[in-house]
Protein backbone atom coordinates (compact mmCIF):
# COMPACT_ATOMS: atom_id res chain seq x y z
CA MET A 1 7.13 -9.96 -13.81
CA ILE A 2 7.66 -13.34 -12.12
CA THR A 3 4.88 -15.84 -12.46
CA VAL A 4 4.68 -18.82 -10.05
CA THR A 5 4.70 -22.23 -11.68
CA GLU A 6 4.60 -25.78 -10.33
CA ASN A 7 8.43 -25.31 -9.63
CA HIS A 8 7.84 -22.12 -7.54
CA SER A 9 6.14 -22.11 -4.20
CA LYS A 10 4.53 -18.78 -2.86
CA ALA A 11 7.06 -18.21 -0.38
CA THR A 12 9.84 -18.60 -3.00
CA ALA A 13 8.23 -16.07 -5.30
CA GLU A 14 7.79 -13.69 -2.47
CA SER A 15 11.34 -13.89 -1.67
CA ILE A 16 12.51 -13.53 -5.22
CA ALA A 17 10.40 -10.37 -5.55
CA GLN A 18 11.86 -8.95 -2.63
CA ASP A 19 15.33 -9.53 -3.50
CA LEU A 20 15.08 -8.43 -7.08
CA GLY A 21 12.41 -5.59 -6.53
CA ALA A 22 10.34 -7.50 -9.01
CA ASP A 23 6.47 -7.85 -9.43
CA TRP A 24 5.19 -11.30 -8.68
CA ILE A 25 1.91 -12.99 -9.50
CA PHE A 26 0.31 -16.46 -9.59
CA ALA A 27 -0.53 -18.49 -12.77
CA ASP A 28 -3.45 -16.57 -14.20
CA GLU A 29 -5.86 -19.74 -14.84
CA PRO A 30 -8.65 -20.72 -12.30
CA THR A 31 -7.69 -23.91 -10.55
CA ASN A 32 -10.87 -25.75 -11.86
CA GLY A 33 -10.95 -27.92 -8.77
CA GLN A 34 -7.07 -28.73 -8.62
CA ASP A 35 -5.33 -28.53 -5.33
CA ASN A 36 -2.29 -25.88 -5.14
CA ASP A 37 1.19 -26.77 -4.24
CA ALA A 38 0.18 -26.52 -0.56
CA GLY A 39 -2.63 -29.23 -0.89
CA ARG A 40 -5.40 -26.42 -0.32
CA GLU A 41 -8.79 -27.57 -1.82
CA ALA A 42 -10.11 -25.32 -4.51
CA VAL A 43 -13.43 -23.82 -3.45
CA ARG A 44 -16.64 -22.91 -5.13
CA LEU A 45 -16.75 -19.26 -6.35
CA GLN A 46 -20.00 -18.45 -4.73
CA LYS A 47 -18.61 -19.68 -1.19
CA VAL A 48 -15.53 -17.57 -1.69
CA LEU A 49 -17.69 -14.54 -2.32
CA SER A 50 -19.94 -15.15 0.71
CA GLN A 51 -16.95 -15.88 2.96
CA ALA A 52 -15.28 -12.49 1.81
CA GLY A 53 -18.44 -10.71 2.82
CA VAL A 54 -19.43 -9.75 -0.67
CA ALA A 55 -22.91 -11.14 -0.38
CA SER A 56 -24.88 -14.05 0.73
CA ARG A 57 -24.11 -17.30 -1.16
CA ARG A 58 -27.50 -17.02 -2.82
CA HIS A 59 -26.85 -13.62 -3.97
CA SER A 60 -23.35 -14.38 -4.96
CA GLU A 61 -24.98 -16.85 -7.33
CA ILE A 62 -26.93 -13.96 -8.80
CA LEU A 63 -23.88 -11.79 -9.24
CA ILE A 64 -22.18 -14.71 -11.12
CA ARG A 65 -25.30 -15.24 -13.23
CA ASP A 66 -25.52 -11.68 -14.16
CA GLY A 67 -21.80 -11.61 -15.39
CA ARG A 68 -20.79 -9.25 -12.61
CA VAL A 69 -17.84 -11.51 -11.25
CA GLN A 70 -14.27 -11.97 -13.16
CA VAL A 71 -11.74 -14.33 -12.16
CA ASN A 72 -8.40 -13.67 -13.70
CA GLY A 73 -9.99 -11.16 -15.97
CA LYS A 74 -12.49 -13.49 -17.39
CA THR A 75 -16.28 -13.01 -16.80
CA ILE A 76 -17.75 -16.03 -14.88
CA THR A 77 -21.50 -16.82 -15.59
CA LYS A 78 -21.49 -20.60 -14.74
CA GLN A 79 -22.31 -21.76 -11.18
CA GLY A 80 -20.04 -24.03 -9.74
CA VAL A 81 -16.74 -22.79 -10.91
CA LYS A 82 -13.99 -23.62 -8.36
CA VAL A 83 -11.13 -21.11 -7.39
CA ASP A 84 -7.99 -20.94 -5.31
CA PRO A 85 -8.24 -18.01 -3.08
CA SER A 86 -4.31 -17.87 -2.65
CA GLN A 87 -3.94 -17.90 -6.35
CA ASP A 88 -6.96 -16.44 -8.39
CA VAL A 89 -7.72 -12.83 -8.84
CA ILE A 90 -11.23 -12.16 -8.28
CA HIS A 91 -13.24 -8.77 -9.12
CA VAL A 92 -16.94 -7.94 -8.58
CA ASP A 93 -18.30 -5.04 -10.59
CA GLY A 94 -14.68 -4.15 -11.47
CA ALA A 95 -13.63 -3.91 -7.90
CA ARG A 96 -11.00 -6.41 -6.72
CA ILE A 97 -11.96 -8.64 -3.68
CA ASN A 98 -9.49 -9.76 -1.25
CA VAL A 99 -10.12 -13.56 -0.73
CA ASP A 100 -6.74 -14.87 0.12
CA GLU A 101 -6.53 -15.35 3.86
CA ASP A 102 -2.78 -15.48 3.70
CA LYS A 103 -2.37 -11.98 2.53
CA ALA A 104 -2.08 -9.24 5.17
CA TYR A 105 -2.51 -5.48 5.12
CA TYR A 106 -1.60 -3.26 7.87
CA VAL A 107 -1.05 0.72 8.55
CA LEU A 108 1.30 1.67 11.10
CA ASN A 109 1.48 5.33 12.37
CA LYS A 110 5.55 5.20 12.54
CA PRO A 111 6.81 7.45 15.52
CA ARG A 112 9.61 9.75 15.15
CA GLY A 113 13.14 8.10 15.68
CA VAL A 114 12.13 4.69 14.55
CA GLN A 115 13.83 2.99 11.39
CA SER A 116 11.47 1.79 8.63
CA THR A 117 12.96 -1.59 8.76
CA MET A 118 11.73 -4.86 10.24
CA SER A 119 15.16 -5.42 12.00
CA ASP A 120 18.30 -3.25 12.38
CA GLU A 121 21.84 -4.53 12.60
CA MET A 122 22.90 -1.64 14.61
CA GLY A 123 20.30 -2.14 17.30
CA ARG A 124 18.33 1.00 16.71
CA ARG A 125 14.66 1.03 17.46
CA CYS A 126 12.77 -0.04 14.12
CA VAL A 127 9.45 -1.02 12.89
CA GLY A 128 9.77 -4.63 13.68
CA ASP A 129 10.24 -3.83 17.20
CA LEU A 130 6.76 -2.02 17.22
CA VAL A 131 4.60 -4.78 15.03
CA LEU A 132 6.21 -8.27 15.49
CA GLY A 133 4.49 -8.85 18.93
CA LYS A 134 0.98 -7.94 17.47
CA LEU A 135 1.31 -10.18 14.36
CA ASP A 136 0.13 -13.86 14.18
CA ALA A 137 2.93 -16.46 14.61
CA GLY A 138 4.83 -16.93 11.39
CA GLU A 139 3.38 -13.76 9.68
CA ARG A 140 5.98 -11.91 7.82
CA LEU A 141 5.50 -8.51 6.41
CA PHE A 142 7.73 -6.00 4.63
CA HIS A 143 7.12 -2.07 4.44
CA VAL A 144 5.81 -0.43 1.26
CA GLY A 145 8.39 2.17 0.72
CA ARG A 146 9.90 3.81 3.98
CA LEU A 147 10.11 7.04 6.01
CA ASP A 148 13.35 8.30 7.25
CA ALA A 149 14.00 7.87 11.00
CA ASP A 150 12.96 11.46 11.70
CA THR A 151 9.66 11.35 9.55
CA GLU A 152 6.61 10.20 11.40
CA GLY A 153 3.21 8.73 10.17
CA LEU A 154 1.63 6.40 7.66
CA LEU A 155 3.41 3.18 6.77
CA ILE A 156 1.73 0.52 4.74
CA LEU A 157 2.92 -3.07 5.79
CA THR A 158 2.07 -6.16 3.76
CA ASN A 159 3.12 -9.51 2.46
CA ASP A 160 1.52 -8.75 -1.00
CA GLY A 161 4.55 -8.46 -3.04
CA GLU A 162 2.67 -7.27 -6.32
CA LEU A 163 0.67 -4.62 -4.47
CA ALA A 164 3.60 -3.45 -2.57
CA ASN A 165 5.82 -3.07 -5.75
CA ARG A 166 2.91 -1.22 -7.72
CA LEU A 167 2.41 1.10 -4.94
CA MET A 168 5.96 2.20 -5.10
CA HIS A 169 6.41 2.21 -8.98
CA PRO A 170 6.29 5.71 -10.43
CA LYS A 171 4.28 4.37 -13.29
CA TYR A 172 1.19 4.49 -10.94
CA GLU A 173 1.69 7.87 -9.51
CA VAL A 174 0.21 7.05 -6.15
CA SER A 175 -0.08 10.22 -4.06
CA LYS A 176 1.29 10.86 -0.53
CA THR A 177 0.35 13.65 1.60
CA TYR A 178 2.50 15.22 4.10
CA LEU A 179 2.10 17.83 7.11
CA ALA A 180 5.24 19.92 7.51
CA GLU A 181 6.07 22.09 10.31
CA VAL A 182 8.84 24.45 8.92
CA LEU A 183 10.95 27.51 10.01
CA GLY A 184 9.58 30.59 8.66
CA GLU A 185 6.07 32.20 8.02
CA ALA A 186 4.93 30.97 4.66
CA GLY A 187 2.75 32.43 2.13
CA PRO A 188 1.34 32.44 -1.39
CA LYS A 189 4.95 32.52 -2.67
CA LEU A 190 5.72 29.00 -1.17
CA ILE A 191 2.64 27.63 -2.70
CA SER A 192 3.56 28.72 -6.18
CA THR A 193 7.04 27.83 -5.80
CA LEU A 194 6.27 24.20 -5.01
CA ARG A 195 3.66 23.94 -7.58
CA GLU A 196 5.76 25.28 -10.28
CA GLY A 197 8.83 23.10 -9.24
CA VAL A 198 12.19 23.54 -7.51
CA GLU A 199 15.44 22.12 -9.13
CA LEU A 200 17.29 19.68 -6.77
CA GLU A 201 20.56 18.04 -7.43
CA ASP A 202 18.69 14.91 -8.89
CA GLY A 203 16.13 16.90 -10.95
CA MET A 204 13.01 19.03 -10.89
CA ALA A 205 10.41 18.23 -8.19
CA LYS A 206 6.86 19.59 -8.17
CA ALA A 207 4.06 19.27 -5.73
CA ASP A 208 0.62 18.48 -6.79
CA PHE A 209 -1.10 20.32 -3.97
CA VAL A 210 0.05 22.88 -1.34
CA ARG A 211 -1.75 24.49 1.54
CA ILE A 212 -0.76 26.81 4.34
CA ILE A 213 -2.61 25.70 7.33
CA ASP A 214 -1.31 27.74 10.02
CA LYS A 215 1.63 30.14 10.67
CA ASN A 216 2.66 31.65 13.97
CA GLN A 217 5.82 33.22 15.65
CA GLY A 218 8.20 32.21 12.97
CA PHE A 219 6.87 28.70 12.09
CA SER A 220 4.34 27.61 9.55
CA LEU A 221 2.39 24.38 9.18
CA VAL A 222 2.25 23.24 5.49
CA GLN A 223 0.50 20.47 3.70
CA VAL A 224 2.03 18.98 0.72
CA GLU A 225 0.68 16.41 -1.69
CA LEU A 226 2.85 14.79 -4.38
CA HIS A 227 3.51 11.38 -5.95
CA GLU A 228 7.16 11.58 -6.13
CA GLY A 229 9.04 8.90 -4.22
CA ARG A 230 12.55 10.22 -4.20
CA LYS A 231 14.53 10.22 -0.83
CA HIS A 232 13.79 12.94 1.26
CA ILE A 233 11.94 14.73 -1.32
CA VAL A 234 9.68 16.98 0.88
CA ARG A 235 12.51 17.95 3.24
CA ARG A 236 14.57 18.87 0.19
CA MET A 237 11.81 20.65 -1.70
CA LEU A 238 11.07 23.00 1.25
CA LYS A 239 14.64 23.54 2.30
CA GLU A 240 15.28 24.62 -1.52
CA ALA A 241 12.29 27.01 -1.22
CA GLY A 242 13.81 28.43 1.94
CA TYR A 243 11.74 26.86 4.60
CA PRO A 244 13.65 24.14 6.54
CA VAL A 245 11.59 21.29 7.90
CA GLN A 246 11.43 20.92 11.73
CA ARG A 247 8.96 18.11 11.88
CA LEU A 248 7.33 16.10 9.06
CA VAL A 249 4.43 13.60 9.11
CA ARG A 250 2.94 11.58 6.44
CA THR A 251 -0.73 11.62 6.89
CA LYS A 252 -2.09 9.90 3.69
CA VAL A 253 -1.26 7.49 0.95
CA HIS A 254 -3.74 7.63 -1.96
CA THR A 255 -7.18 7.31 -0.03
CA VAL A 256 -5.62 5.56 3.25
CA GLN A 257 -5.48 8.15 5.90
CA LEU A 258 -3.84 8.10 9.19
CA GLY A 259 -6.80 10.04 10.85
CA GLU A 260 -6.81 9.68 14.82
CA GLN A 261 -4.39 6.82 14.79
CA LYS A 262 -1.71 7.38 17.40
CA PRO A 263 1.92 6.89 17.12
CA GLY A 264 2.99 3.12 17.39
CA VAL A 265 -0.49 1.87 16.73
CA LEU A 266 -0.96 -0.83 14.14
CA ARG A 267 -4.16 -1.35 12.40
CA ALA A 268 -5.73 -3.57 9.57
CA LEU A 269 -6.71 -1.88 6.15
CA ASN A 270 -10.45 -2.13 5.60
CA SER A 271 -12.03 -3.48 2.53
CA SER A 272 -12.70 0.03 1.01
CA GLU A 273 -9.24 1.06 1.47
CA LEU A 274 -7.78 -2.19 -0.10
CA THR A 275 -10.09 -2.02 -2.95
CA SER A 276 -9.11 1.69 -3.48
CA LEU A 277 -5.44 0.82 -3.59
CA TYR A 278 -5.90 -2.18 -5.82
CA LYS A 279 -7.92 0.13 -8.32
CA ALA A 280 -5.06 2.92 -8.15
CA VAL A 281 -2.51 0.52 -9.30
CA GLY A 282 -4.66 -1.39 -11.86
CA MET A 283 -5.09 -4.74 -9.95
């Protein structure tokens, strides 16, 4: 875990985290009115809550008075406490509130044939080609995990290093749901095989949930949910079970769903989706 001190800037910490695959956090004390390294003024807590859409400023004061607001894990009941939205972690009724305007959270429906990278040295079409023109100037994102080029669907993009690392960490067992079109007409045996587990070259792999959605003329549509993150895990499991994948789409990560979002479309995570992700990884 890397903690930002007066000798580390936010940008430096984020760079270190990405290079080392480490979590990064900011110093866990409220700013108490002090400016941060960027010279940003600390702001009264009730104003921050109001600007984040939690409640009106007056009702935010009531939330604070009633002990329903925590800053960096400490319950705040005094009015007038100042915080730095870029550093301090704020919860209301146990739910984390995103108050840092510099943090960005998006969902992309990655099309088939696109690399899950922000740039590609070989000149292949990549995620960066799809999203860079849609972002604010200077906004830099990285992908949470990756989908292989032939796999479509939901890809989370963010500049929040701590959330990204936790979502990818096996400890938190964040679920992912896929729709797979497979060769062969699948039945109950496939469900039991995937649930009980199949032996792969890198160990046993089990699905948390399997459903046969449709089958017709030698093909089947299968829904698979699992919390594994190994490379090509769904394709390898289905192939081992005797049903080679013809098309694979990731439709859901935890509670974040693709829904009707079309391929190539980028959208911002809404507040309930973000709060749910925070909760899933203990933030």
